[in-house]
Amino acid sequence: MTTAALALKSAESANSAPVSAKWSVSRIMELFQLPLMDLLYRAHQVHRENFNPNEIQRSALISIKTGGCSEDCSYCSQSARYRTATEREALMQVEDVVNAAKEAKANGATRFCMGAAWRGPKEKQMEMVTQMIREVKALGLETCVTLGMLNEGQAEQLKEAGLDYYNHNLDTDSAFYDNVITTHSHADRLDTIGLVRRAGIKVCSGGILGMGESRRNRAALVAQLANLNPPPDSVPINNLIPIPGTPLAETEKLDNFEFLRVIAASRIAMPKSYVRLSAGRESMSEEFQALCFFAGANSIFYCDKLLTTMNTGANRDVAMFSKFGLTAV
């Protein structure tokens, strides 16, 4: 039996393993090392077993508090430590957030995500955020927030307000983490995810690719996400947008097919999670996005702008979905 055939056999065994089985880095690496067509075939099989392959979940994203963050995340234009074009802004008014949510719903989004550039929210800020959640929820939208690290009791406040999802990305492999962020640890992120999960809120957690990490680091990130118990309900996969003024501004772009392998491996390792094409999609061709959808991506950010960077516009997405025969959920 050839090396490729042995690898495919191993991957097929992995696919038949229980969802609760632990995913080792070596098992994810075996998936990465498959011939691309074999990997896509396996990923698409898993996708069809768990989702309608012609449906895409659409989320809108808005920055409710931009800039001035004390953290040193090397990819982020909102860090106060770097000189970027992003200016510090106050927390948005509730009415303005609700109006943005109404527009997102009218455009076809089903989930409304609100992000704030904080290390973590203070109680006064929590009062405004929980009001935003209540009013957006009343519109019939799913709600998601990303507010940084939470303290004891804050997740319960968010749950009481009606929050559906909390986004807190692992960003990268724990072994590579200190190369990207030093003001908090990978373990700190896991602590917040634990608080969110204990409060009964769904977890949205993924990572950023193309920050100078190795293939093994990418495999380890997928394994770490898959080994959360249970895996995240939503897994955003971001392709680094190098932002002038940040330490990663000159980072070499990740090869598209390496990105595609991560999408496929994420689908296989987390068969019931929504895998979201996130930052970096505005530079992806329709043909490449079609491959990502085939490999198991079934969620997108459906808005003209992400937190601080541009995104593929809704009109372009509607036209692309029409070409592909995709419907929104």
C-alpha atoms as a PDB file:
ATOM      1  CA  MET A   1       0.000   0.000   0.000  1.00  0.00           C
ATOM      2  CA  THR A   2       1.338   3.443  -0.916  1.00  0.00           C
ATOM      3  CA  THR A   3       2.107   6.158   1.628  1.00  0.00           C
ATOM      4  CA  ALA A   4      -0.829   8.211   0.344  1.00  0.00           C
ATOM      5  CA  ALA A   5      -3.174   5.226   0.638  1.00  0.00           C
ATOM      6  CA  LEU A   6      -1.998   4.532   4.195  1.00  0.00           C
ATOM      7  CA  ALA A   7      -2.590   8.174   5.099  1.00  0.00           C
ATOM      8  CA  LEU A   8      -6.066   8.081   3.580  1.00  0.00           C
ATOM      9  CA  LYS A   9      -6.889   4.894   5.507  1.00  0.00           C
ATOM     10  CA  SER A  10      -5.754   6.579   8.721  1.00  0.00           C
ATOM     11  CA  ALA A  11      -7.899   9.627   7.968  1.00  0.00           C
ATOM     12  CA  GLU A  12     -10.919   7.415   7.282  1.00  0.00           C
ATOM     13  CA  SER A  13     -10.425   5.769  10.668  1.00  0.00           C
ATOM     14  CA  ALA A  14     -10.248   9.221  12.241  1.00  0.00           C
ATOM     15  CA  ASN A  15     -13.528  10.193  10.579  1.00  0.00           C
ATOM     16  CA  SER A  16     -15.309   7.173  12.043  1.00  0.00           C
ATOM     17  CA  ALA A  17     -14.053   7.885  15.581  1.00  0.00           C
ATOM     18  CA  PRO A  18     -16.538   9.258  18.142  1.00  0.00           C
ATOM     19  CA  VAL A  19     -16.780  13.031  18.339  1.00  0.00           C
ATOM     20  CA  SER A  20     -15.528  12.857  21.928  1.00  0.00           C
ATOM     21  CA  ALA A  21     -12.306  11.104  20.874  1.00  0.00           C
ATOM     22  CA  LYS A  22      -9.172  13.164  21.407  1.00  0.00           C
ATOM     23  CA  TRP A  23      -7.537  14.588  18.329  1.00  0.00           C
ATOM     24  CA  SER A  24      -3.753  14.494  18.512  1.00  0.00           C
ATOM     25  CA  VAL A  25      -1.577  16.877  16.535  1.00  0.00           C
ATOM     26  CA  SER A  26      -0.192  13.905  14.621  1.00  0.00           C
ATOM     27  CA  ARG A  27      -3.700  12.868  13.519  1.00  0.00           C
ATOM     28  CA  ILE A  28      -4.383  16.359  12.184  1.00  0.00           C
ATOM     29  CA  MET A  29      -0.974  16.348  10.478  1.00  0.00           C
ATOM     30  CA  GLU A  30      -1.934  13.103   8.759  1.00  0.00           C
ATOM     31  CA  LEU A  31      -4.952  14.891   7.306  1.00  0.00           C
ATOM     32  CA  PHE A  32      -2.779  17.797   6.133  1.00  0.00           C
ATOM     33  CA  GLN A  33      -0.433  15.371   4.413  1.00  0.00           C
ATOM     34  CA  LEU A  34      -3.145  13.704   2.330  1.00  0.00           C
ATOM     35  CA  PRO A  35      -3.289  14.442  -1.388  1.00  0.00           C
ATOM     36  CA  LEU A  36      -5.509  17.500  -1.638  1.00  0.00           C
ATOM     37  CA  MET A  37      -8.291  15.753  -3.562  1.00  0.00           C
ATOM     38  CA  ASP A  38      -8.451  12.953  -0.997  1.00  0.00           C
ATOM     39  CA  LEU A  39      -8.623  15.482   1.840  1.00  0.00           C
ATOM     40  CA  LEU A  40     -11.388  17.472   0.149  1.00  0.00           C
ATOM     41  CA  TYR A  41     -13.329  14.288  -0.584  1.00  0.00           C
ATOM     42  CA  ARG A  42     -13.195  13.166   3.052  1.00  0.00           C
ATOM     43  CA  ALA A  43     -14.092  16.623   4.349  1.00  0.00           C
ATOM     44  CA  HIS A  44     -17.028  16.935   1.974  1.00  0.00           C
ATOM     45  CA  GLN A  45     -18.330  13.525   3.028  1.00  0.00           C
ATOM     46  CA  VAL A  46     -18.250  14.577   6.682  1.00  0.00           C
ATOM     47  CA  HIS A  47     -19.929  17.857   5.790  1.00  0.00           C
ATOM     48  CA  ARG A  48     -22.803  16.141   3.959  1.00  0.00           C
ATOM     49  CA  GLU A  49     -23.313  13.761   6.869  1.00  0.00           C
ATOM     50  CA  ASN A  50     -23.909  16.671   9.260  1.00  0.00           C
ATOM     51  CA  PHE A  51     -25.171  19.645   7.240  1.00  0.00           C
ATOM     52  CA  ASN A  52     -27.012  20.556   4.079  1.00  0.00           C
ATOM     53  CA  PRO A  53     -24.016  21.366   1.825  1.00  0.00           C
ATOM     54  CA  ASN A  54     -26.006  24.011  -0.038  1.00  0.00           C
ATOM     55  CA  GLU A  55     -26.782  26.157   3.004  1.00  0.00           C
ATOM     56  CA  ILE A  56     -24.624  28.932   4.444  1.00  0.00           C
ATOM     57  CA  GLN A  57     -25.141  30.674   7.786  1.00  0.00           C
ATOM     58  CA  ARG A  58     -24.698  34.462   7.550  1.00  0.00           C
ATOM     59  CA  SER A  59     -23.473  36.647  10.428  1.00  0.00           C
ATOM     60  CA  ALA A  60     -23.127  40.426  10.538  1.00  0.00           C
ATOM     61  CA  LEU A  61     -20.326  41.970  12.598  1.00  0.00           C
ATOM     62  CA  ILE A  62     -20.007  45.445  14.082  1.00  0.00           C
ATOM     63  CA  SER A  63     -17.393  47.096  16.274  1.00  0.00           C
ATOM     64  CA  ILE A  64     -19.301  48.621  19.185  1.00  0.00           C
ATOM     65  CA  LYS A  65     -16.113  49.989  20.756  1.00  0.00           C
ATOM     66  CA  THR A  66     -13.098  50.549  18.529  1.00  0.00           C
ATOM     67  CA  GLY A  67      -9.414  51.129  19.331  1.00  0.00           C
ATOM     68  CA  GLY A  68      -7.467  51.900  22.488  1.00  0.00           C
ATOM     69  CA  CYS A  69      -7.072  48.283  23.610  1.00  0.00           C
ATOM     70  CA  SER A  70      -4.327  47.690  26.181  1.00  0.00           C
ATOM     71  CA  GLU A  71      -3.380  44.253  24.806  1.00  0.00           C
ATOM     72  CA  ASP A  72      -0.428  43.680  22.449  1.00  0.00           C
ATOM     73  CA  CYS A  73      -1.960  41.228  19.921  1.00  0.00           C
ATOM     74  CA  SER A  74       0.510  41.565  17.048  1.00  0.00           C
ATOM     75  CA  TYR A  75      -2.119  41.330  14.320  1.00  0.00           C
ATOM     76  CA  CYS A  76      -4.513  43.932  15.701  1.00  0.00           C
ATOM     77  CA  SER A  77      -4.934  47.520  14.537  1.00  0.00           C
ATOM     78  CA  GLN A  78      -6.880  48.308  17.718  1.00  0.00           C
ATOM     79  CA  SER A  79      -3.972  47.902  20.126  1.00  0.00           C
ATOM     80  CA  ALA A  80      -2.980  51.187  21.777  1.00  0.00           C
ATOM     81  CA  ARG A  81       0.629  49.997  21.547  1.00  0.00           C
ATOM     82  CA  TYR A  82       0.820  50.359  17.747  1.00  0.00           C
ATOM     83  CA  ARG A  83       0.501  53.296  15.393  1.00  0.00           C
ATOM     84  CA  THR A  84      -2.208  52.369  12.926  1.00  0.00           C
ATOM     85  CA  ALA A  85      -4.965  54.170  11.057  1.00  0.00           C
ATOM     86  CA  THR A  86      -7.539  52.943  13.600  1.00  0.00           C
ATOM     87  CA  GLU A  87      -8.577  55.680  16.003  1.00  0.00           C
ATOM     88  CA  ARG A  88      -9.917  55.224  19.502  1.00  0.00           C
ATOM     89  CA  GLU A  89     -13.686  55.601  19.743  1.00  0.00           C
ATOM     90  CA  ALA A  90     -16.204  55.551  22.580  1.00  0.00           C
ATOM     91  CA  LEU A  91     -18.675  52.738  23.143  1.00  0.00           C
ATOM     92  CA  MET A  92     -21.540  53.067  20.674  1.00  0.00           C
ATOM     93  CA  GLN A  93     -24.976  54.126  21.848  1.00  0.00           C
ATOM     94  CA  VAL A  94     -27.543  51.365  22.162  1.00  0.00           C
ATOM     95  CA  GLU A  95     -29.865  52.985  19.626  1.00  0.00           C
ATOM     96  CA  ASP A  96     -27.125  53.070  16.978  1.00  0.00           C
ATOM     97  CA  VAL A  97     -26.324  49.395  17.532  1.00  0.00           C
ATOM     98  CA  VAL A  98     -29.992  48.439  17.240  1.00  0.00           C
ATOM     99  CA  ASN A  99     -30.315  50.395  13.986  1.00  0.00           C
ATOM    100  CA  ALA A 100     -27.294  48.541  12.596  1.00  0.00           C
ATOM    101  CA  ALA A 101     -28.856  45.243  13.650  1.00  0.00           C
ATOM    102  CA  LYS A 102     -32.122  46.133  11.898  1.00  0.00           C
ATOM    103  CA  GLU A 103     -30.196  46.866   8.702  1.00  0.00           C
ATOM    104  CA  ALA A 104     -28.272  43.594   8.984  1.00  0.00           C
ATOM    105  CA  LYS A 105     -31.489  41.639   9.405  1.00  0.00           C
ATOM    106  CA  ALA A 106     -33.075  43.413   6.425  1.00  0.00           C
ATOM    107  CA  ASN A 107     -30.047  42.377   4.344  1.00  0.00           C
ATOM    108  CA  GLY A 108     -30.467  38.720   5.313  1.00  0.00           C
ATOM    109  CA  ALA A 109     -28.142  38.180   8.288  1.00  0.00           C
ATOM    110  CA  THR A 110     -29.406  35.787  10.959  1.00  0.00           C
ATOM    111  CA  ARG A 111     -26.767  36.435  13.636  1.00  0.00           C
ATOM    112  CA  PHE A 112     -25.544  39.822  14.843  1.00  0.00           C
ATOM    113  CA  CYS A 113     -22.054  39.920  16.346  1.00  0.00           C
ATOM    114  CA  MET A 114     -20.818  42.838  18.475  1.00  0.00           C
ATOM    115  CA  GLY A 115     -17.122  43.316  19.205  1.00  0.00           C
ATOM    116  CA  ALA A 116     -15.416  45.606  21.711  1.00  0.00           C
ATOM    117  CA  ALA A 117     -11.692  46.371  21.931  1.00  0.00           C
ATOM    118  CA  TRP A 118     -11.181  45.673  25.628  1.00  0.00           C
ATOM    119  CA  ARG A 119      -8.949  43.463  27.730  1.00  0.00           C
ATOM    120  CA  GLY A 120     -12.242  42.746  29.461  1.00  0.00           C
ATOM    121  CA  PRO A 121     -15.446  44.671  30.204  1.00  0.00           C
ATOM    122  CA  LYS A 122     -16.047  46.727  33.348  1.00  0.00           C
ATOM    123  CA  GLU A 123     -19.404  46.613  35.106  1.00  0.00           C
ATOM    124  CA  LYS A 124     -20.587  49.971  33.733  1.00  0.00           C
ATOM    125  CA  GLN A 125     -19.796  48.743  30.222  1.00  0.00           C
ATOM    126  CA  MET A 126     -21.591  45.463  30.927  1.00  0.00           C
ATOM    127  CA  GLU A 127     -24.790  47.385  31.652  1.00  0.00           C
ATOM    128  CA  MET A 128     -24.781  48.917  28.170  1.00  0.00           C
ATOM    129  CA  VAL A 129     -23.741  45.701  26.431  1.00  0.00           C
ATOM    130  CA  THR A 130     -26.475  43.659  28.088  1.00  0.00           C
ATOM    131  CA  GLN A 131     -29.011  46.280  26.989  1.00  0.00           C
ATOM    132  CA  MET A 132     -27.711  45.964  23.414  1.00  0.00           C
ATOM    133  CA  ILE A 133     -28.078  42.192  23.603  1.00  0.00           C
ATOM    134  CA  ARG A 134     -31.665  42.403  24.848  1.00  0.00           C
ATOM    135  CA  GLU A 135     -32.736  44.818  22.133  1.00  0.00           C
ATOM    136  CA  VAL A 136     -30.969  42.985  19.297  1.00  0.00           C
ATOM    137  CA  LYS A 137     -32.406  39.684  20.536  1.00  0.00           C
ATOM    138  CA  ALA A 138     -35.880  41.249  20.471  1.00  0.00           C
ATOM    139  CA  LEU A 139     -35.446  41.779  16.710  1.00  0.00           C
ATOM    140  CA  GLY A 140     -35.369  38.009  16.211  1.00  0.00           C
ATOM    141  CA  LEU A 141     -31.619  37.802  15.567  1.00  0.00           C
ATOM    142  CA  GLU A 142     -29.135  35.448  17.199  1.00  0.00           C
ATOM    143  CA  THR A 143     -26.729  37.463  19.338  1.00  0.00           C
ATOM    144  CA  CYS A 144     -22.968  37.153  19.703  1.00  0.00           C
ATOM    145  CA  VAL A 145     -20.426  39.337  21.482  1.00  0.00           C
ATOM    146  CA  THR A 146     -16.661  39.400  21.813  1.00  0.00           C
ATOM    147  CA  LEU A 147     -15.579  41.503  24.776  1.00  0.00           C
ATOM    148  CA  GLY A 148     -12.211  40.063  25.742  1.00  0.00           C
ATOM    149  CA  MET A 149     -11.601  38.164  28.961  1.00  0.00           C
ATOM    150  CA  LEU A 150     -14.481  37.760  31.407  1.00  0.00           C
ATOM    151  CA  ASN A 151     -14.529  37.706  35.194  1.00  0.00           C
ATOM    152  CA  GLU A 152     -16.659  35.481  37.415  1.00  0.00           C
ATOM    153  CA  GLY A 153     -20.332  36.347  37.110  1.00  0.00           C
ATOM    154  CA  GLN A 154     -20.084  38.284  33.838  1.00  0.00           C
ATOM    155  CA  ALA A 155     -20.974  35.327  31.637  1.00  0.00           C
ATOM    156  CA  GLU A 156     -24.107  34.815  33.720  1.00  0.00           C
ATOM    157  CA  GLN A 157     -25.062  38.466  33.144  1.00  0.00           C
ATOM    158  CA  LEU A 158     -24.694  37.964  29.398  1.00  0.00           C
ATOM    159  CA  LYS A 159     -26.736  34.767  29.505  1.00  0.00           C
ATOM    160  CA  GLU A 160     -29.517  36.480  31.449  1.00  0.00           C
ATOM    161  CA  ALA A 161     -29.620  39.217  28.792  1.00  0.00           C
ATOM    162  CA  GLY A 162     -30.256  36.548  26.155  1.00  0.00           C
ATOM    163  CA  LEU A 163     -26.803  36.105  24.622  1.00  0.00           C
ATOM    164  CA  ASP A 164     -26.557  33.121  22.268  1.00  0.00           C
ATOM    165  CA  TYR A 165     -22.819  33.041  21.413  1.00  0.00           C
ATOM    166  CA  TYR A 166     -19.617  34.363  22.936  1.00  0.00           C
ATOM    167  CA  ASN A 167     -16.624  34.689  20.599  1.00  0.00           C
ATOM    168  CA  HIS A 168     -13.189  34.167  22.106  1.00  0.00           C
ATOM    169  CA  ASN A 169     -10.687  32.867  19.567  1.00  0.00           C
ATOM    170  CA  LEU A 170      -7.714  30.755  20.600  1.00  0.00           C
ATOM    171  CA  ASP A 171      -5.942  32.652  17.785  1.00  0.00           C
ATOM    172  CA  THR A 172      -3.070  30.188  17.399  1.00  0.00           C
ATOM    173  CA  ASP A 173      -1.392  27.098  18.825  1.00  0.00           C
ATOM    174  CA  SER A 174      -0.478  27.383  22.524  1.00  0.00           C
ATOM    175  CA  ALA A 175       3.181  26.673  21.658  1.00  0.00           C
ATOM    176  CA  PHE A 176       3.251  29.631  19.224  1.00  0.00           C
ATOM    177  CA  TYR A 177       1.066  31.955  21.272  1.00  0.00           C
ATOM    178  CA  ASP A 178       3.839  33.986  22.917  1.00  0.00           C
ATOM    179  CA  ASN A 179       5.145  34.932  19.464  1.00  0.00           C
ATOM    180  CA  VAL A 180       1.898  36.790  18.842  1.00  0.00           C
ATOM    181  CA  ILE A 181       0.591  37.933  22.241  1.00  0.00           C
ATOM    182  CA  THR A 182       2.371  38.489  25.564  1.00  0.00           C
ATOM    183  CA  THR A 183      -0.112  40.514  27.656  1.00  0.00           C
ATOM    184  CA  HIS A 184      -2.253  37.464  28.363  1.00  0.00           C
ATOM    185  CA  SER A 185      -1.819  33.727  27.921  1.00  0.00           C
ATOM    186  CA  HIS A 186      -3.408  30.951  25.934  1.00  0.00           C
ATOM    187  CA  ALA A 187      -4.619  29.560  29.275  1.00  0.00           C
ATOM    188  CA  ASP A 188      -6.384  32.869  29.988  1.00  0.00           C
ATOM    189  CA  ARG A 189      -8.408  32.386  26.816  1.00  0.00           C
ATOM    190  CA  LEU A 190      -9.371  28.872  27.855  1.00  0.00           C
ATOM    191  CA  ASP A 191     -10.465  30.210  31.250  1.00  0.00           C
ATOM    192  CA  THR A 192     -12.902  32.630  29.609  1.00  0.00           C
ATOM    193  CA  ILE A 193     -14.250  29.884  27.338  1.00  0.00           C
ATOM    194  CA  GLY A 194     -14.827  27.798  30.460  1.00  0.00           C
ATOM    195  CA  LEU A 195     -16.794  30.610  32.128  1.00  0.00           C
ATOM    196  CA  VAL A 196     -18.897  31.065  28.993  1.00  0.00           C
ATOM    197  CA  ARG A 197     -19.657  27.369  28.696  1.00  0.00           C
ATOM    198  CA  ARG A 198     -20.602  27.010  32.371  1.00  0.00           C
ATOM    199  CA  ALA A 199     -23.075  29.866  31.943  1.00  0.00           C
ATOM    200  CA  GLY A 200     -24.804  27.936  29.151  1.00  0.00           C
ATOM    201  CA  ILE A 201     -23.706  30.215  26.307  1.00  0.00           C
ATOM    202  CA  LYS A 202     -22.609  28.707  22.996  1.00  0.00           C
ATOM    203  CA  VAL A 203     -18.917  29.067  22.195  1.00  0.00           C
ATOM    204  CA  CYS A 204     -17.529  30.666  19.048  1.00  0.00           C
ATOM    205  CA  SER A 205     -13.777  30.092  18.871  1.00  0.00           C
ATOM    206  CA  GLY A 206     -11.295  29.729  16.045  1.00  0.00           C
ATOM    207  CA  GLY A 207      -7.988  31.156  14.960  1.00  0.00           C
ATOM    208  CA  ILE A 208      -5.911  33.259  12.622  1.00  0.00           C
ATOM    209  CA  LEU A 209      -3.717  31.681   9.957  1.00  0.00           C
ATOM    210  CA  GLY A 210      -0.671  33.192   8.283  1.00  0.00           C
ATOM    211  CA  MET A 211       0.996  34.805  11.310  1.00  0.00           C
ATOM    212  CA  GLY A 212       4.310  33.069  10.680  1.00  0.00           C
ATOM    213  CA  GLU A 213       3.298  29.808  12.326  1.00  0.00           C
ATOM    214  CA  SER A 214       4.351  26.394  11.001  1.00  0.00           C
ATOM    215  CA  ARG A 215       2.087  23.731   9.540  1.00  0.00           C
ATOM    216  CA  ARG A 216       2.457  21.830  12.819  1.00  0.00           C
ATOM    217  CA  ASN A 217       1.273  24.931  14.704  1.00  0.00           C
ATOM    218  CA  ARG A 218      -1.797  25.022  12.467  1.00  0.00           C
ATOM    219  CA  ALA A 219      -2.442  21.336  13.109  1.00  0.00           C
ATOM    220  CA  ALA A 220      -2.082  21.931  16.846  1.00  0.00           C
ATOM    221  CA  LEU A 221      -4.597  24.803  16.711  1.00  0.00           C
ATOM    222  CA  VAL A 222      -7.173  22.558  15.022  1.00  0.00           C
ATOM    223  CA  ALA A 223      -6.496  19.810  17.575  1.00  0.00           C
ATOM    224  CA  GLN A 224      -6.818  22.224  20.513  1.00  0.00           C
ATOM    225  CA  LEU A 225     -10.162  23.486  19.213  1.00  0.00           C
ATOM    226  CA  ALA A 226     -11.451  19.987  18.472  1.00  0.00           C
ATOM    227  CA  ASN A 227     -10.462  18.780  21.943  1.00  0.00           C
ATOM    228  CA  LEU A 228     -12.561  21.383  23.729  1.00  0.00           C
ATOM    229  CA  ASN A 229     -15.394  19.480  25.355  1.00  0.00           C
ATOM    230  CA  PRO A 230     -17.538  19.883  23.342  1.00  0.00           C
ATOM    231  CA  PRO A 231     -15.880  21.571  20.347  1.00  0.00           C
ATOM    232  CA  PRO A 232     -16.947  25.170  19.630  1.00  0.00           C
ATOM    233  CA  ASP A 233     -20.390  25.618  18.110  1.00  0.00           C
ATOM    234  CA  SER A 234     -18.845  28.045  15.600  1.00  0.00           C
ATOM    235  CA  VAL A 235     -15.232  28.012  14.398  1.00  0.00           C
ATOM    236  CA  PRO A 236     -14.143  31.200  12.597  1.00  0.00           C
ATOM    237  CA  ILE A 237     -11.044  30.670  10.457  1.00  0.00           C
ATOM    238  CA  ASN A 238      -9.318  33.974   9.705  1.00  0.00           C
ATOM    239  CA  ASN A 239      -6.644  34.588   7.089  1.00  0.00           C
ATOM    240  CA  LEU A 240      -4.326  37.296   8.412  1.00  0.00           C
ATOM    241  CA  ILE A 241      -4.849  40.759   6.959  1.00  0.00           C
ATOM    242  CA  PRO A 242      -1.449  42.420   7.484  1.00  0.00           C
ATOM    243  CA  ILE A 243      -2.195  45.887   8.860  1.00  0.00           C
ATOM    244  CA  PRO A 244       0.376  48.704   8.530  1.00  0.00           C
ATOM    245  CA  GLY A 245       1.734  49.703  11.902  1.00  0.00           C
ATOM    246  CA  THR A 246       1.338  46.276  13.498  1.00  0.00           C
ATOM    247  CA  PRO A 247       4.250  43.873  14.092  1.00  0.00           C
ATOM    248  CA  LEU A 248       2.813  41.462  11.506  1.00  0.00           C
ATOM    249  CA  ALA A 249       2.446  44.096   8.780  1.00  0.00           C
ATOM    250  CA  GLU A 250       5.129  42.517   6.581  1.00  0.00           C
ATOM    251  CA  THR A 251       4.177  38.871   7.124  1.00  0.00           C
ATOM    252  CA  GLU A 252       4.220  36.743   3.993  1.00  0.00           C
ATOM    253  CA  LYS A 253       0.782  35.651   2.807  1.00  0.00           C
ATOM    254  CA  LEU A 254      -0.193  32.069   3.536  1.00  0.00           C
ATOM    255  CA  ASP A 255      -0.594  29.812   0.516  1.00  0.00           C
ATOM    256  CA  ASN A 256      -4.285  29.453  -0.375  1.00  0.00           C
ATOM    257  CA  PHE A 257      -4.168  25.683  -0.465  1.00  0.00           C
ATOM    258  CA  GLU A 258      -2.635  25.539   3.002  1.00  0.00           C
ATOM    259  CA  PHE A 259      -5.576  27.634   4.195  1.00  0.00           C
ATOM    260  CA  LEU A 260      -7.924  25.224   2.413  1.00  0.00           C
ATOM    261  CA  ARG A 261      -6.336  22.264   4.191  1.00  0.00           C
ATOM    262  CA  VAL A 262      -7.118  23.879   7.553  1.00  0.00           C
ATOM    263  CA  ILE A 263     -10.751  24.362   6.529  1.00  0.00           C
ATOM    264  CA  ALA A 264     -11.014  20.705   5.512  1.00  0.00           C
ATOM    265  CA  ALA A 265      -9.260  19.391   8.620  1.00  0.00           C
ATOM    266  CA  SER A 266     -11.460  21.566  10.826  1.00  0.00           C
ATOM    267  CA  ARG A 267     -14.558  20.099   9.218  1.00  0.00           C
ATOM    268  CA  ILE A 268     -13.328  16.535   9.762  1.00  0.00           C
ATOM    269  CA  ALA A 269     -12.226  17.128  13.357  1.00  0.00           C
ATOM    270  CA  MET A 270     -15.305  19.192  14.288  1.00  0.00           C
ATOM    271  CA  PRO A 271     -18.074  17.638  12.186  1.00  0.00           C
ATOM    272  CA  LYS A 272     -21.011  19.372  13.897  1.00  0.00           C
ATOM    273  CA  SER A 273     -19.505  22.865  14.207  1.00  0.00           C
ATOM    274  CA  TYR A 274     -20.184  25.753  11.870  1.00  0.00           C
ATOM    275  CA  VAL A 275     -16.875  26.576  10.169  1.00  0.00           C
ATOM    276  CA  ARG A 276     -16.828  30.249   9.217  1.00  0.00           C
ATOM    277  CA  LEU A 277     -14.803  31.964   6.510  1.00  0.00           C
ATOM    278  CA  SER A 278     -13.874  35.131   8.357  1.00  0.00           C
ATOM    279  CA  ALA A 279     -11.211  37.832   7.914  1.00  0.00           C
ATOM    280  CA  GLY A 280      -9.383  37.740   4.597  1.00  0.00           C
ATOM    281  CA  ARG A 281     -12.372  36.639   2.537  1.00  0.00           C
ATOM    282  CA  GLU A 282     -12.509  39.927   0.629  1.00  0.00           C
ATOM    283  CA  SER A 283      -9.304  38.931  -1.181  1.00  0.00           C
ATOM    284  CA  MET A 284     -10.499  35.407  -2.037  1.00  0.00           C
ATOM    285  CA  SER A 285     -11.772  34.691  -5.527  1.00  0.00           C
ATOM    286  CA  GLU A 286     -15.209  33.137  -5.976  1.00  0.00           C
ATOM    287  CA  GLU A 287     -13.509  30.000  -7.268  1.00  0.00           C
ATOM    288  CA  PHE A 288     -11.450  29.646  -4.092  1.00  0.00           C
ATOM    289  CA  GLN A 289     -14.449  30.321  -1.864  1.00  0.00           C
ATOM    290  CA  ALA A 290     -16.286  27.553  -3.721  1.00  0.00           C
ATOM    291  CA  LEU A 291     -13.481  25.153  -2.764  1.00  0.00           C
ATOM    292  CA  CYS A 292     -13.731  26.290   0.869  1.00  0.00           C
ATOM    293  CA  PHE A 293     -17.483  25.673   0.887  1.00  0.00           C
ATOM    294  CA  PHE A 294     -16.931  22.242  -0.667  1.00  0.00           C
ATOM    295  CA  ALA A 295     -14.345  21.504   2.050  1.00  0.00           C
ATOM    296  CA  GLY A 296     -16.892  22.216   4.775  1.00  0.00           C
ATOM    297  CA  ALA A 297     -17.019  25.957   5.421  1.00  0.00           C
ATOM    298  CA  ASN A 298     -20.688  26.791   5.968  1.00  0.00           C
ATOM    299  CA  SER A 299     -20.758  30.225   7.557  1.00  0.00           C
ATOM    300  CA  ILE A 300     -19.556  33.695   6.542  1.00  0.00           C
ATOM    301  CA  PHE A 301     -19.471  37.230   7.806  1.00  0.00           C
ATOM    302  CA  TYR A 302     -22.107  38.903   5.696  1.00  0.00           C
ATOM    303  CA  CYS A 303     -21.380  42.613   5.903  1.00  0.00           C
ATOM    304  CA  ASP A 304     -19.341  45.316   4.187  1.00  0.00           C
ATOM    305  CA  LYS A 305     -16.907  45.742   7.095  1.00  0.00           C
ATOM    306  CA  LEU A 306     -15.515  43.575   9.877  1.00  0.00           C
ATOM    307  CA  LEU A 307     -14.231  45.196  13.074  1.00  0.00           C
ATOM    308  CA  THR A 308     -11.727  47.472  11.340  1.00  0.00           C
ATOM    309  CA  THR A 309     -11.077  45.908   7.930  1.00  0.00           C
ATOM    310  CA  MET A 310     -13.181  45.630   4.787  1.00  0.00           C
ATOM    311  CA  ASN A 311     -15.213  42.537   3.960  1.00  0.00           C
ATOM    312  CA  THR A 312     -16.854  41.223   0.812  1.00  0.00           C
ATOM    313  CA  GLY A 313     -20.046  43.251   0.346  1.00  0.00           C
ATOM    314  CA  ALA A 314     -23.494  41.721   0.748  1.00  0.00           C
ATOM    315  CA  ASN A 315     -24.430  42.365  -2.890  1.00  0.00           C
ATOM    316  CA  ARG A 316     -21.407  40.417  -4.115  1.00  0.00           C
ATOM    317  CA  ASP A 317     -22.240  37.566  -1.775  1.00  0.00           C
ATOM    318  CA  VAL A 318     -25.844  37.413  -2.976  1.00  0.00           C
ATOM    319  CA  ALA A 319     -24.617  37.180  -6.572  1.00  0.00           C
ATOM    320  CA  MET A 320     -22.067  34.496  -5.648  1.00  0.00           C
ATOM    321  CA  PHE A 321     -24.640  32.446  -3.755  1.00  0.00           C
ATOM    322  CA  SER A 322     -26.909  32.591  -6.799  1.00  0.00           C
ATOM    323  CA  LYS A 323     -24.122  31.209  -9.011  1.00  0.00           C
ATOM    324  CA  PHE A 324     -23.408  28.388  -6.554  1.00  0.00           C
ATOM    325  CA  GLY A 325     -27.043  27.570  -5.780  1.00  0.00           C
ATOM    326  CA  LEU A 326     -26.473  28.281  -2.071  1.00  0.00           C
ATOM    327  CA  THR A 327     -29.204  29.379   0.294  1.00  0.00           C
ATOM    328  CA  ALA A 328     -28.938  31.257   3.577  1.00  0.00           C
ATOM    329  CA  VAL A 329     -29.876  29.872   6.996  1.00  0.00           C
END
